[in-house]
Amino acid sequence: MIVDYILRRLGLLFFMILMLSVFTFSLAYLFPGDPLSNLSGVPSSNFAQHSELEDKYLYNSNYFMQYIAFLGRIFQGDWGLSFASGGSVFSHIFDLLPATLELSLYALIVSIVVGVPAGILGSGYHKRWPDKLINSTTMVGYSIPVFWLALLLIMIFSLKLGWFPMSGRMGLLYEIPASTGFILIDIALAGFPYKGMAFVDALRHLTLPTIVLAMYPTTVLVRFTRESMLKIMDQNFIKTARAKGLNRRQLIMHHALRNALLPVIKQIGLQFSTLITLAMITEVIFSWPGIGRWLIDSIYQRDFPAIQGGLMAVSLFVILATIIAELTYTLFDPLSRNQAHGKV
């Protein structure tokens, strides 16, 4: 049964990736200018070069053959050249994606560490002052726009107090070799004597962007965990355990928590895909050298091959994160597989 479920989800993944590739291929014809230049990133400067590109991209063939050739280039890593830099779009994405993943991953960790315990605490003190305080704080955090919160934190903690830097990923005093693309891991792998100072400097640069990016998923996890806990606490087996004399802590830790966290696991995966999209705004404000900032700059520069590649990479990662979250949730909760088959 679980094999059939996984195969169906993989089939859905294949279909979504196929539709994404069709949309990305269509952008070359929807953008202004020559579709051949939009696909290759090479302006048609002379007749010989233009003829060579026509042969490579099957430009004189029908759209289906052009699409098949497009898929072949995607799997080969030939995503065209950037109008702005002249470099490979795939190389840019490969170099910039770890910075975005790192920021999103740290924001997700902060969201889990803060959001899940806060939701549990709010459900344990339902309709009492801790629950009301958590709900009020969550509502405020949920309502604050990301860009406004980022500018507010920069004004207070960077410009006024000077505690944290306002932009960048690392201070100019340190030159860290990019081994993995994750700055903290690269510092740990680097062999220079000022590793501790560089690590602290990287954490200071990470602090404000991580807080800003973690605000929205934290509020979502708080509310989702609280509602899930309250729903479980109202079940008959919890009432039976309470009648046997178990206190509030025993009810939550030994009975309610393991059941309430199952839906939260799926929500955590969905929030990670949300973080990838929210990271674009955060990266622009904090000058974080990730794929989101690069994609926004490409839109301003009308760099059509970079826009195509960036949208495809971000969308593909969001799709993969969503499918993986759903599969993980299904592995932990067999009941969801029965519901997926139309059974209860």
C-alpha atoms as a PDB file:
ATOM      1  CA  MET A   1       0.000   0.000   0.000  1.00  0.00           C
ATOM      2  CA  ILE A   2       2.755   2.443   0.903  1.00  0.00           C
ATOM      3  CA  VAL A   3       4.589   1.578  -2.321  1.00  0.00           C
ATOM      4  CA  ASP A   4       1.487   2.467  -4.352  1.00  0.00           C
ATOM      5  CA  TYR A   5       1.155   5.729  -2.451  1.00  0.00           C
ATOM      6  CA  ILE A   6       4.797   6.658  -3.077  1.00  0.00           C
ATOM      7  CA  LEU A   7       4.454   5.790  -6.768  1.00  0.00           C
ATOM      8  CA  ARG A   8       1.404   8.036  -7.074  1.00  0.00           C
ATOM      9  CA  ARG A   9       3.250  10.887  -5.407  1.00  0.00           C
ATOM     10  CA  LEU A  10       6.252  10.357  -7.673  1.00  0.00           C
ATOM     11  CA  GLY A  11       3.901  10.408 -10.655  1.00  0.00           C
ATOM     12  CA  LEU A  12       2.478  13.710  -9.406  1.00  0.00           C
ATOM     13  CA  LEU A  13       6.034  15.011  -8.966  1.00  0.00           C
ATOM     14  CA  PHE A  14       6.901  14.026 -12.532  1.00  0.00           C
ATOM     15  CA  PHE A  15       3.775  15.737 -13.888  1.00  0.00           C
ATOM     16  CA  MET A  16       4.471  18.978 -11.970  1.00  0.00           C
ATOM     17  CA  ILE A  17       8.088  19.038 -13.148  1.00  0.00           C
ATOM     18  CA  LEU A  18       6.901  18.446 -16.708  1.00  0.00           C
ATOM     19  CA  MET A  19       4.476  21.385 -16.495  1.00  0.00           C
ATOM     20  CA  LEU A  20       7.218  23.532 -14.964  1.00  0.00           C
ATOM     21  CA  SER A  21       9.562  22.724 -17.843  1.00  0.00           C
ATOM     22  CA  VAL A  22       6.852  23.550 -20.394  1.00  0.00           C
ATOM     23  CA  PHE A  23       6.219  26.905 -18.691  1.00  0.00           C
ATOM     24  CA  THR A  24       9.933  27.704 -18.529  1.00  0.00           C
ATOM     25  CA  PHE A  25      10.383  26.846 -22.198  1.00  0.00           C
ATOM     26  CA  SER A  26       7.406  29.056 -23.112  1.00  0.00           C
ATOM     27  CA  LEU A  27       8.945  32.054 -21.359  1.00  0.00           C
ATOM     28  CA  ALA A  28      11.530  32.372 -24.143  1.00  0.00           C
ATOM     29  CA  TYR A  29       8.675  33.154 -26.563  1.00  0.00           C
ATOM     30  CA  LEU A  30       6.695  35.268 -24.083  1.00  0.00           C
ATOM     31  CA  PHE A  31       9.603  37.568 -23.184  1.00  0.00           C
ATOM     32  CA  PRO A  32      10.391  40.501 -25.497  1.00  0.00           C
ATOM     33  CA  GLY A  33      13.123  40.059 -28.066  1.00  0.00           C
ATOM     34  CA  ASP A  34      14.392  37.138 -30.104  1.00  0.00           C
ATOM     35  CA  PRO A  35      13.341  33.746 -28.607  1.00  0.00           C
ATOM     36  CA  LEU A  36      16.629  32.233 -29.738  1.00  0.00           C
ATOM     37  CA  SER A  37      18.585  34.838 -27.782  1.00  0.00           C
ATOM     38  CA  ASN A  38      16.320  34.352 -24.772  1.00  0.00           C
ATOM     39  CA  LEU A  39      17.002  30.611 -24.810  1.00  0.00           C
ATOM     40  CA  SER A  40      20.746  30.797 -25.337  1.00  0.00           C
ATOM     41  CA  GLY A  41      21.681  34.125 -23.758  1.00  0.00           C
ATOM     42  CA  VAL A  42      23.791  34.907 -26.837  1.00  0.00           C
ATOM     43  CA  PRO A  43      22.789  37.955 -28.879  1.00  0.00           C
ATOM     44  CA  SER A  44      22.631  37.198 -32.582  1.00  0.00           C
ATOM     45  CA  SER A  45      25.614  39.263 -33.741  1.00  0.00           C
ATOM     46  CA  ASN A  46      26.267  37.790 -37.204  1.00  0.00           C
ATOM     47  CA  PHE A  47      24.773  35.375 -39.678  1.00  0.00           C
ATOM     48  CA  ALA A  48      27.221  32.528 -38.993  1.00  0.00           C
ATOM     49  CA  GLN A  49      26.659  32.633 -35.242  1.00  0.00           C
ATOM     50  CA  HIS A  50      22.908  32.884 -35.713  1.00  0.00           C
ATOM     51  CA  SER A  51      22.907  29.840 -38.013  1.00  0.00           C
ATOM     52  CA  GLU A  52      24.977  27.885 -35.491  1.00  0.00           C
ATOM     53  CA  LEU A  53      22.508  28.684 -32.727  1.00  0.00           C
ATOM     54  CA  GLU A  54      19.578  27.718 -34.947  1.00  0.00           C
ATOM     55  CA  ASP A  55      21.129  24.306 -35.522  1.00  0.00           C
ATOM     56  CA  LYS A  56      21.944  23.774 -31.839  1.00  0.00           C
ATOM     57  CA  TYR A  57      18.511  24.800 -30.570  1.00  0.00           C
ATOM     58  CA  LEU A  58      16.542  23.268 -33.495  1.00  0.00           C
ATOM     59  CA  TYR A  59      15.024  26.682 -34.013  1.00  0.00           C
ATOM     60  CA  ASN A  60      13.754  25.868 -37.515  1.00  0.00           C
ATOM     61  CA  SER A  61      11.964  22.734 -36.271  1.00  0.00           C
ATOM     62  CA  ASN A  62       8.530  22.603 -34.672  1.00  0.00           C
ATOM     63  CA  TYR A  63       7.929  23.575 -31.040  1.00  0.00           C
ATOM     64  CA  PHE A  64       7.848  19.974 -29.843  1.00  0.00           C
ATOM     65  CA  MET A  65      11.330  19.240 -31.185  1.00  0.00           C
ATOM     66  CA  GLN A  66      12.597  22.502 -29.715  1.00  0.00           C
ATOM     67  CA  TYR A  67      11.120  21.494 -26.351  1.00  0.00           C
ATOM     68  CA  ILE A  68      12.787  18.061 -26.496  1.00  0.00           C
ATOM     69  CA  ALA A  69      16.124  19.743 -27.230  1.00  0.00           C
ATOM     70  CA  PHE A  70      15.437  22.138 -24.349  1.00  0.00           C
ATOM     71  CA  LEU A  71      14.943  19.194 -21.954  1.00  0.00           C
ATOM     72  CA  GLY A  72      18.190  17.658 -23.129  1.00  0.00           C
ATOM     73  CA  ARG A  73      20.103  20.856 -22.398  1.00  0.00           C
ATOM     74  CA  ILE A  74      18.479  21.139 -18.953  1.00  0.00           C
ATOM     75  CA  PHE A  75      19.674  17.659 -17.945  1.00  0.00           C
ATOM     76  CA  GLN A  76      23.142  18.462 -19.319  1.00  0.00           C
ATOM     77  CA  GLY A  77      23.408  21.643 -17.249  1.00  0.00           C
ATOM     78  CA  ASP A  78      23.290  23.926 -20.287  1.00  0.00           C
ATOM     79  CA  TRP A  79      20.818  26.559 -19.064  1.00  0.00           C
ATOM     80  CA  GLY A  80      22.107  29.308 -21.328  1.00  0.00           C
ATOM     81  CA  LEU A  81      24.223  32.361 -20.623  1.00  0.00           C
ATOM     82  CA  SER A  82      23.347  35.398 -18.549  1.00  0.00           C
ATOM     83  CA  PHE A  83      22.874  38.645 -20.470  1.00  0.00           C
ATOM     84  CA  ALA A  84      24.336  40.630 -17.570  1.00  0.00           C
ATOM     85  CA  SER A  85      27.468  38.647 -16.720  1.00  0.00           C
ATOM     86  CA  GLY A  86      27.985  36.460 -19.767  1.00  0.00           C
ATOM     87  CA  GLY A  87      28.494  33.467 -17.456  1.00  0.00           C
ATOM     88  CA  SER A  88      26.605  30.207 -17.291  1.00  0.00           C
ATOM     89  CA  VAL A  89      23.177  30.499 -15.658  1.00  0.00           C
ATOM     90  CA  PHE A  90      23.541  27.011 -14.185  1.00  0.00           C
ATOM     91  CA  SER A  91      26.888  27.963 -12.597  1.00  0.00           C
ATOM     92  CA  HIS A  92      25.353  31.085 -11.051  1.00  0.00           C
ATOM     93  CA  ILE A  93      22.496  29.057  -9.567  1.00  0.00           C
ATOM     94  CA  PHE A  94      24.862  26.348  -8.324  1.00  0.00           C
ATOM     95  CA  ASP A  95      27.043  28.964  -6.581  1.00  0.00           C
ATOM     96  CA  LEU A  96      24.207  31.054  -5.086  1.00  0.00           C
ATOM     97  CA  LEU A  97      21.683  28.399  -4.029  1.00  0.00           C
ATOM     98  CA  PRO A  98      23.629  27.237  -0.906  1.00  0.00           C
ATOM     99  CA  ALA A  99      23.426  30.748   0.588  1.00  0.00           C
ATOM    100  CA  THR A 100      19.635  30.760   0.198  1.00  0.00           C
ATOM    101  CA  LEU A 101      19.305  27.222   1.552  1.00  0.00           C
ATOM    102  CA  GLU A 102      21.503  28.084   4.523  1.00  0.00           C
ATOM    103  CA  LEU A 103      19.453  31.139   5.465  1.00  0.00           C
ATOM    104  CA  SER A 104      16.179  29.240   5.010  1.00  0.00           C
ATOM    105  CA  LEU A 105      17.420  26.259   7.014  1.00  0.00           C
ATOM    106  CA  TYR A 106      18.510  28.378   9.976  1.00  0.00           C
ATOM    107  CA  ALA A 107      15.215  30.275   9.881  1.00  0.00           C
ATOM    108  CA  LEU A 108      13.341  26.962   9.900  1.00  0.00           C
ATOM    109  CA  ILE A 109      15.353  25.754  12.907  1.00  0.00           C
ATOM    110  CA  VAL A 110      14.524  28.962  14.789  1.00  0.00           C
ATOM    111  CA  SER A 111      10.850  28.559  13.851  1.00  0.00           C
ATOM    112  CA  ILE A 112      10.743  24.993  15.179  1.00  0.00           C
ATOM    113  CA  VAL A 113      12.664  25.784  18.372  1.00  0.00           C
ATOM    114  CA  VAL A 114      10.421  28.770  19.179  1.00  0.00           C
ATOM    115  CA  GLY A 115       7.109  27.951  17.502  1.00  0.00           C
ATOM    116  CA  VAL A 116       6.457  24.352  18.578  1.00  0.00           C
ATOM    117  CA  PRO A 117       7.172  24.838  22.330  1.00  0.00           C
ATOM    118  CA  ALA A 118       5.179  28.089  22.319  1.00  0.00           C
ATOM    119  CA  GLY A 119       2.209  26.317  20.740  1.00  0.00           C
ATOM    120  CA  ILE A 120       2.421  23.523  23.300  1.00  0.00           C
ATOM    121  CA  LEU A 121       2.629  26.044  26.133  1.00  0.00           C
ATOM    122  CA  GLY A 122      -0.373  27.948  24.798  1.00  0.00           C
ATOM    123  CA  SER A 123      -2.481  24.793  24.587  1.00  0.00           C
ATOM    124  CA  GLY A 124      -1.447  23.738  28.105  1.00  0.00           C
ATOM    125  CA  TYR A 125      -2.702  27.051  29.507  1.00  0.00           C
ATOM    126  CA  HIS A 126      -5.753  27.362  27.260  1.00  0.00           C
ATOM    127  CA  LYS A 127      -7.664  30.651  27.805  1.00  0.00           C
ATOM    128  CA  ARG A 128      -5.281  31.683  30.609  1.00  0.00           C
ATOM    129  CA  TRP A 129      -2.761  34.520  30.546  1.00  0.00           C
ATOM    130  CA  PRO A 130       0.151  32.560  28.926  1.00  0.00           C
ATOM    131  CA  ASP A 131      -2.155  31.484  26.103  1.00  0.00           C
ATOM    132  CA  LYS A 132      -3.491  35.016  25.649  1.00  0.00           C
ATOM    133  CA  LEU A 133       0.044  36.464  25.635  1.00  0.00           C
ATOM    134  CA  ILE A 134       1.236  33.933  23.047  1.00  0.00           C
ATOM    135  CA  ASN A 135      -1.826  34.505  20.862  1.00  0.00           C
ATOM    136  CA  SER A 136      -1.397  38.293  20.974  1.00  0.00           C
ATOM    137  CA  THR A 137       2.301  38.097  20.147  1.00  0.00           C
ATOM    138  CA  THR A 138       1.624  35.639  17.345  1.00  0.00           C
ATOM    139  CA  MET A 139      -1.040  37.871  15.846  1.00  0.00           C
ATOM    140  CA  VAL A 140       1.328  40.849  15.845  1.00  0.00           C
ATOM    141  CA  GLY A 141       4.165  38.827  14.294  1.00  0.00           C
ATOM    142  CA  TYR A 142       1.842  37.362  11.665  1.00  0.00           C
ATOM    143  CA  SER A 143       0.602  40.826  10.661  1.00  0.00           C
ATOM    144  CA  ILE A 144       4.008  42.505  10.302  1.00  0.00           C
ATOM    145  CA  PRO A 145       5.236  42.627   6.682  1.00  0.00           C
ATOM    146  CA  VAL A 146       8.639  41.081   6.125  1.00  0.00           C
ATOM    147  CA  PHE A 147      10.191  44.187   4.555  1.00  0.00           C
ATOM    148  CA  TRP A 148       8.889  46.467   7.324  1.00  0.00           C
ATOM    149  CA  LEU A 149      10.241  44.197  10.062  1.00  0.00           C
ATOM    150  CA  ALA A 150      13.606  44.002   8.298  1.00  0.00           C
ATOM    151  CA  LEU A 151      13.916  47.782   8.044  1.00  0.00           C
ATOM    152  CA  LEU A 152      12.815  48.193  11.668  1.00  0.00           C
ATOM    153  CA  LEU A 153      15.443  45.750  12.948  1.00  0.00           C
ATOM    154  CA  ILE A 154      18.138  47.382  10.818  1.00  0.00           C
ATOM    155  CA  MET A 155      17.238  50.809  12.180  1.00  0.00           C
ATOM    156  CA  ILE A 156      17.309  49.642  15.821  1.00  0.00           C
ATOM    157  CA  PHE A 157      20.008  46.962  16.042  1.00  0.00           C
ATOM    158  CA  SER A 158      22.334  48.077  13.229  1.00  0.00           C
ATOM    159  CA  LEU A 159      22.122  51.852  12.909  1.00  0.00           C
ATOM    160  CA  LYS A 160      21.223  52.850  16.469  1.00  0.00           C
ATOM    161  CA  LEU A 161      22.752  50.165  18.693  1.00  0.00           C
ATOM    162  CA  GLY A 162      25.387  48.838  16.295  1.00  0.00           C
ATOM    163  CA  TRP A 163      25.025  45.260  17.528  1.00  0.00           C
ATOM    164  CA  PHE A 164      24.678  43.557  14.149  1.00  0.00           C
ATOM    165  CA  PRO A 165      25.831  44.386  10.603  1.00  0.00           C
ATOM    166  CA  MET A 166      23.114  45.527   8.241  1.00  0.00           C
ATOM    167  CA  SER A 167      24.194  43.735   5.057  1.00  0.00           C
ATOM    168  CA  GLY A 168      26.370  41.021   3.628  1.00  0.00           C
ATOM    169  CA  ARG A 169      27.210  37.492   4.630  1.00  0.00           C
ATOM    170  CA  MET A 170      30.713  37.966   6.006  1.00  0.00           C
ATOM    171  CA  GLY A 171      33.023  40.776   7.043  1.00  0.00           C
ATOM    172  CA  LEU A 172      35.616  42.045   4.575  1.00  0.00           C
ATOM    173  CA  LEU A 173      38.454  41.062   6.922  1.00  0.00           C
ATOM    174  CA  TYR A 174      37.861  37.369   6.308  1.00  0.00           C
ATOM    175  CA  GLU A 175      38.275  35.470   3.077  1.00  0.00           C
ATOM    176  CA  ILE A 176      36.649  32.067   3.430  1.00  0.00           C
ATOM    177  CA  PRO A 177      37.203  29.473   0.664  1.00  0.00           C
ATOM    178  CA  ALA A 178      33.832  28.257  -0.611  1.00  0.00           C
ATOM    179  CA  SER A 179      34.038  24.497  -0.096  1.00  0.00           C
ATOM    180  CA  THR A 180      30.347  23.730   0.436  1.00  0.00           C
ATOM    181  CA  GLY A 181      28.672  27.125   0.005  1.00  0.00           C
ATOM    182  CA  PHE A 182      27.403  27.056   3.610  1.00  0.00           C
ATOM    183  CA  ILE A 183      29.379  29.752   5.364  1.00  0.00           C
ATOM    184  CA  LEU A 184      29.499  28.203   8.862  1.00  0.00           C
ATOM    185  CA  ILE A 185      30.571  24.819   7.477  1.00  0.00           C
ATOM    186  CA  ASP A 186      33.190  26.469   5.259  1.00  0.00           C
ATOM    187  CA  ILE A 187      34.612  28.308   8.272  1.00  0.00           C
ATOM    188  CA  ALA A 188      34.811  25.031  10.207  1.00  0.00           C
ATOM    189  CA  LEU A 189      36.629  23.383   7.286  1.00  0.00           C
ATOM    190  CA  ALA A 190      39.000  26.298   6.694  1.00  0.00           C
ATOM    191  CA  GLY A 191      42.472  26.060   8.166  1.00  0.00           C
ATOM    192  CA  PHE A 192      43.295  29.592   9.278  1.00  0.00           C
ATOM    193  CA  PRO A 193      44.082  30.755  12.850  1.00  0.00           C
ATOM    194  CA  TYR A 194      41.162  33.211  13.234  1.00  0.00           C
ATOM    195  CA  LYS A 195      38.432  30.623  12.800  1.00  0.00           C
ATOM    196  CA  GLY A 196      36.632  31.551  16.041  1.00  0.00           C
ATOM    197  CA  MET A 197      36.440  35.252  15.214  1.00  0.00           C
ATOM    198  CA  ALA A 198      35.232  34.481  11.690  1.00  0.00           C
ATOM    199  CA  PHE A 199      32.552  32.157  13.075  1.00  0.00           C
ATOM    200  CA  VAL A 200      31.253  34.885  15.419  1.00  0.00           C
ATOM    201  CA  ASP A 201      31.273  37.412  12.579  1.00  0.00           C
ATOM    202  CA  ALA A 202      29.267  35.056  10.363  1.00  0.00           C
ATOM    203  CA  LEU A 203      26.716  34.496  13.147  1.00  0.00           C
ATOM    204  CA  ARG A 204      26.341  38.262  13.592  1.00  0.00           C
ATOM    205  CA  HIS A 205      25.617  38.623   9.875  1.00  0.00           C
ATOM    206  CA  LEU A 206      23.129  35.759  10.043  1.00  0.00           C
ATOM    207  CA  THR A 207      21.177  36.978  13.060  1.00  0.00           C
ATOM    208  CA  LEU A 208      18.950  39.723  11.640  1.00  0.00           C
ATOM    209  CA  PRO A 209      18.097  37.999   8.317  1.00  0.00           C
ATOM    210  CA  THR A 210      17.297  34.781  10.176  1.00  0.00           C
ATOM    211  CA  ILE A 211      14.986  36.540  12.645  1.00  0.00           C
ATOM    212  CA  VAL A 212      13.157  38.368   9.861  1.00  0.00           C
ATOM    213  CA  LEU A 213      12.765  35.262   7.733  1.00  0.00           C
ATOM    214  CA  ALA A 214      11.719  33.102  10.695  1.00  0.00           C
ATOM    215  CA  MET A 215       8.954  35.438  11.882  1.00  0.00           C
ATOM    216  CA  TYR A 216       6.179  34.252   9.548  1.00  0.00           C
ATOM    217  CA  PRO A 217       6.747  30.458   9.824  1.00  0.00           C
ATOM    218  CA  THR A 218       7.161  30.780  13.602  1.00  0.00           C
ATOM    219  CA  THR A 219       3.726  32.350  13.976  1.00  0.00           C
ATOM    220  CA  VAL A 220       2.222  29.690  11.702  1.00  0.00           C
ATOM    221  CA  LEU A 221       3.799  26.849  13.698  1.00  0.00           C
ATOM    222  CA  VAL A 222       2.660  28.381  16.993  1.00  0.00           C
ATOM    223  CA  ARG A 223      -0.958  28.551  15.884  1.00  0.00           C
ATOM    224  CA  PHE A 224      -0.889  25.189  14.109  1.00  0.00           C
ATOM    225  CA  THR A 225       0.751  23.384  17.059  1.00  0.00           C
ATOM    226  CA  ARG A 226      -1.679  24.990  19.503  1.00  0.00           C
ATOM    227  CA  GLU A 227      -4.744  23.985  17.480  1.00  0.00           C
ATOM    228  CA  SER A 228      -3.406  20.456  17.001  1.00  0.00           C
ATOM    229  CA  MET A 229      -2.730  20.073  20.720  1.00  0.00           C
ATOM    230  CA  LEU A 230      -6.182  21.399  21.678  1.00  0.00           C
ATOM    231  CA  LYS A 231      -7.800  18.960  19.258  1.00  0.00           C
ATOM    232  CA  ILE A 232      -5.903  16.016  20.746  1.00  0.00           C
ATOM    233  CA  MET A 233      -6.553  17.166  24.310  1.00  0.00           C
ATOM    234  CA  ASP A 234     -10.287  16.975  23.602  1.00  0.00           C
ATOM    235  CA  GLN A 235     -10.110  13.297  22.593  1.00  0.00           C
ATOM    236  CA  ASN A 236     -11.658  10.574  24.739  1.00  0.00           C
ATOM    237  CA  PHE A 237      -8.369   8.826  25.550  1.00  0.00           C
ATOM    238  CA  ILE A 238      -7.021  12.086  27.010  1.00  0.00           C
ATOM    239  CA  LYS A 239     -10.167  12.510  29.107  1.00  0.00           C
ATOM    240  CA  THR A 240      -9.763   8.941  30.335  1.00  0.00           C
ATOM    241  CA  ALA A 241      -6.137   9.559  31.284  1.00  0.00           C
ATOM    242  CA  ARG A 242      -7.163  12.751  33.089  1.00  0.00           C
ATOM    243  CA  ALA A 243      -9.828  10.829  35.007  1.00  0.00           C
ATOM    244  CA  LYS A 244      -7.142   8.382  36.162  1.00  0.00           C
ATOM    245  CA  GLY A 245      -5.400  11.257  37.938  1.00  0.00           C
ATOM    246  CA  LEU A 246      -2.657  12.250  35.482  1.00  0.00           C
ATOM    247  CA  ASN A 247      -1.562  15.875  35.797  1.00  0.00           C
ATOM    248  CA  ARG A 248      -1.260  18.372  32.944  1.00  0.00           C
ATOM    249  CA  ARG A 249       2.433  17.674  32.291  1.00  0.00           C
ATOM    250  CA  GLN A 250       1.915  13.913  32.129  1.00  0.00           C
ATOM    251  CA  LEU A 251      -1.027  14.293  29.761  1.00  0.00           C
ATOM    252  CA  ILE A 252       0.941  16.498  27.379  1.00  0.00           C
ATOM    253  CA  MET A 253       4.295  14.711  27.420  1.00  0.00           C
ATOM    254  CA  HIS A 254       3.158  11.086  27.483  1.00  0.00           C
ATOM    255  CA  HIS A 255      -0.113  11.116  25.558  1.00  0.00           C
ATOM    256  CA  ALA A 256      -0.976  14.270  23.617  1.00  0.00           C
ATOM    257  CA  LEU A 257       2.384  15.377  22.254  1.00  0.00           C
ATOM    258  CA  ARG A 258       3.255  12.389  20.063  1.00  0.00           C
ATOM    259  CA  ASN A 259      -0.175  12.497  18.404  1.00  0.00           C
ATOM    260  CA  ALA A 260      -0.356  16.263  18.015  1.00  0.00           C
ATOM    261  CA  LEU A 261       3.072  16.581  16.392  1.00  0.00           C
ATOM    262  CA  LEU A 262       2.206  14.360  13.411  1.00  0.00           C
ATOM    263  CA  PRO A 263       0.367  17.135  11.495  1.00  0.00           C
ATOM    264  CA  VAL A 264       3.066  19.588  12.581  1.00  0.00           C
ATOM    265  CA  ILE A 265       5.722  17.532  10.746  1.00  0.00           C
ATOM    266  CA  LYS A 266       3.932  18.101   7.451  1.00  0.00           C
ATOM    267  CA  GLN A 267       3.467  21.784   8.234  1.00  0.00           C
ATOM    268  CA  ILE A 268       7.196  22.179   8.921  1.00  0.00           C
ATOM    269  CA  GLY A 269       7.994  20.871   5.448  1.00  0.00           C
ATOM    270  CA  LEU A 270       5.470  23.197   3.850  1.00  0.00           C
ATOM    271  CA  GLN A 271       6.916  26.166   5.738  1.00  0.00           C
ATOM    272  CA  PHE A 272      10.388  25.366   4.407  1.00  0.00           C
ATOM    273  CA  SER A 273       9.111  25.787   0.853  1.00  0.00           C
ATOM    274  CA  THR A 274       7.493  29.068   1.936  1.00  0.00           C
ATOM    275  CA  LEU A 275      10.821  30.244   3.342  1.00  0.00           C
ATOM    276  CA  ILE A 276      12.479  29.861  -0.053  1.00  0.00           C
ATOM    277  CA  THR A 277      10.072  32.396  -1.566  1.00  0.00           C
ATOM    278  CA  LEU A 278      10.176  34.779   1.408  1.00  0.00           C
ATOM    279  CA  ALA A 279      13.972  34.680   1.286  1.00  0.00           C
ATOM    280  CA  MET A 280      13.921  36.732  -1.928  1.00  0.00           C
ATOM    281  CA  ILE A 281      12.687  39.838  -0.100  1.00  0.00           C
ATOM    282  CA  THR A 282      14.996  39.247   2.849  1.00  0.00           C
ATOM    283  CA  GLU A 283      18.046  38.783   0.625  1.00  0.00           C
ATOM    284  CA  VAL A 284      17.396  42.032  -1.226  1.00  0.00           C
ATOM    285  CA  ILE A 285      17.060  44.075   1.979  1.00  0.00           C
ATOM    286  CA  PHE A 286      20.116  42.558   3.692  1.00  0.00           C
ATOM    287  CA  SER A 287      22.213  42.236   0.497  1.00  0.00           C
ATOM    288  CA  TRP A 288      22.454  38.512   1.124  1.00  0.00           C
ATOM    289  CA  PRO A 289      24.261  36.871  -1.822  1.00  0.00           C
ATOM    290  CA  GLY A 290      21.635  34.229  -2.554  1.00  0.00           C
ATOM    291  CA  ILE A 291      19.582  33.146  -5.525  1.00  0.00           C
ATOM    292  CA  GLY A 292      16.642  35.344  -4.504  1.00  0.00           C
ATOM    293  CA  ARG A 293      18.625  38.570  -4.685  1.00  0.00           C
ATOM    294  CA  TRP A 294      20.212  37.429  -7.950  1.00  0.00           C
ATOM    295  CA  LEU A 295      16.798  36.673  -9.429  1.00  0.00           C
ATOM    296  CA  ILE A 296      15.402  40.077  -8.418  1.00  0.00           C
ATOM    297  CA  ASP A 297      18.461  41.799  -9.926  1.00  0.00           C
ATOM    298  CA  SER A 298      17.947  39.772 -13.115  1.00  0.00           C
ATOM    299  CA  ILE A 299      14.365  41.006 -13.352  1.00  0.00           C
ATOM    300  CA  TYR A 300      15.526  44.613 -13.041  1.00  0.00           C
ATOM    301  CA  GLN A 301      18.221  44.032 -15.687  1.00  0.00           C
ATOM    302  CA  ARG A 302      15.820  42.205 -18.042  1.00  0.00           C
ATOM    303  CA  ASP A 303      18.191  39.249 -18.009  1.00  0.00           C
ATOM    304  CA  PHE A 304      15.716  36.778 -19.517  1.00  0.00           C
ATOM    305  CA  PRO A 305      17.878  33.593 -19.498  1.00  0.00           C
ATOM    306  CA  ALA A 306      18.696  34.198 -15.818  1.00  0.00           C
ATOM    307  CA  ILE A 307      15.017  34.769 -15.015  1.00  0.00           C
ATOM    308  CA  GLN A 308      14.097  31.495 -16.717  1.00  0.00           C
ATOM    309  CA  GLY A 309      16.792  29.525 -14.897  1.00  0.00           C
ATOM    310  CA  GLY A 310      16.149  31.163 -11.532  1.00  0.00           C
ATOM    311  CA  LEU A 311      12.393  30.615 -11.659  1.00  0.00           C
ATOM    312  CA  MET A 312      12.879  27.001 -12.680  1.00  0.00           C
ATOM    313  CA  ALA A 313      15.397  26.323  -9.880  1.00  0.00           C
ATOM    314  CA  VAL A 314      13.286  27.957  -7.159  1.00  0.00           C
ATOM    315  CA  SER A 315      10.051  26.343  -8.352  1.00  0.00           C
ATOM    316  CA  LEU A 316      11.690  22.929  -8.620  1.00  0.00           C
ATOM    317  CA  PHE A 317      13.016  23.170  -5.087  1.00  0.00           C
ATOM    318  CA  VAL A 318       9.610  24.232  -3.731  1.00  0.00           C
ATOM    319  CA  ILE A 319       7.950  21.278  -5.480  1.00  0.00           C
ATOM    320  CA  LEU A 320      10.535  18.827  -4.139  1.00  0.00           C
ATOM    321  CA  ALA A 321      10.263  20.203  -0.590  1.00  0.00           C
ATOM    322  CA  THR A 322       6.463  19.899  -0.667  1.00  0.00           C
ATOM    323  CA  ILE A 323       6.511  16.315  -1.959  1.00  0.00           C
ATOM    324  CA  ILE A 324       9.186  15.253   0.553  1.00  0.00           C
ATOM    325  CA  ALA A 325       7.208  16.809   3.420  1.00  0.00           C
ATOM    326  CA  GLU A 326       4.071  14.947   2.397  1.00  0.00           C
ATOM    327  CA  LEU A 327       5.906  11.628   2.015  1.00  0.00           C
ATOM    328  CA  THR A 328       7.555  12.070   5.416  1.00  0.00           C
ATOM    329  CA  TYR A 329       4.199  12.808   7.015  1.00  0.00           C
ATOM    330  CA  THR A 330       2.718   9.711   5.386  1.00  0.00           C
ATOM    331  CA  LEU A 331       5.509   7.485   6.672  1.00  0.00           C
ATOM    332  CA  PHE A 332       4.847   8.644  10.239  1.00  0.00           C
ATOM    333  CA  ASP A 333       1.039   8.551   9.983  1.00  0.00           C
ATOM    334  CA  PRO A 334      -0.366   5.382   8.358  1.00  0.00           C
ATOM    335  CA  LEU A 335      -3.919   6.724   8.705  1.00  0.00           C
ATOM    336  CA  SER A 336      -3.199   9.340   6.057  1.00  0.00           C
ATOM    337  CA  ARG A 337      -2.429   6.552   3.570  1.00  0.00           C
ATOM    338  CA  ASN A 338      -5.835   5.013   4.218  1.00  0.00           C
ATOM    339  CA  GLN A 339      -7.496   8.391   3.727  1.00  0.00           C
ATOM    340  CA  ALA A 340      -5.557   8.830   0.496  1.00  0.00           C
ATOM    341  CA  HIS A 341      -7.120   5.542  -0.689  1.00  0.00           C
ATOM    342  CA  GLY A 342     -10.589   6.754   0.286  1.00  0.00           C
ATOM    343  CA  LYS A 343     -10.692   4.690   3.490  1.00  0.00           C
ATOM    344  CA  VAL A 344     -11.075   5.723   7.107  1.00  0.00           C
END
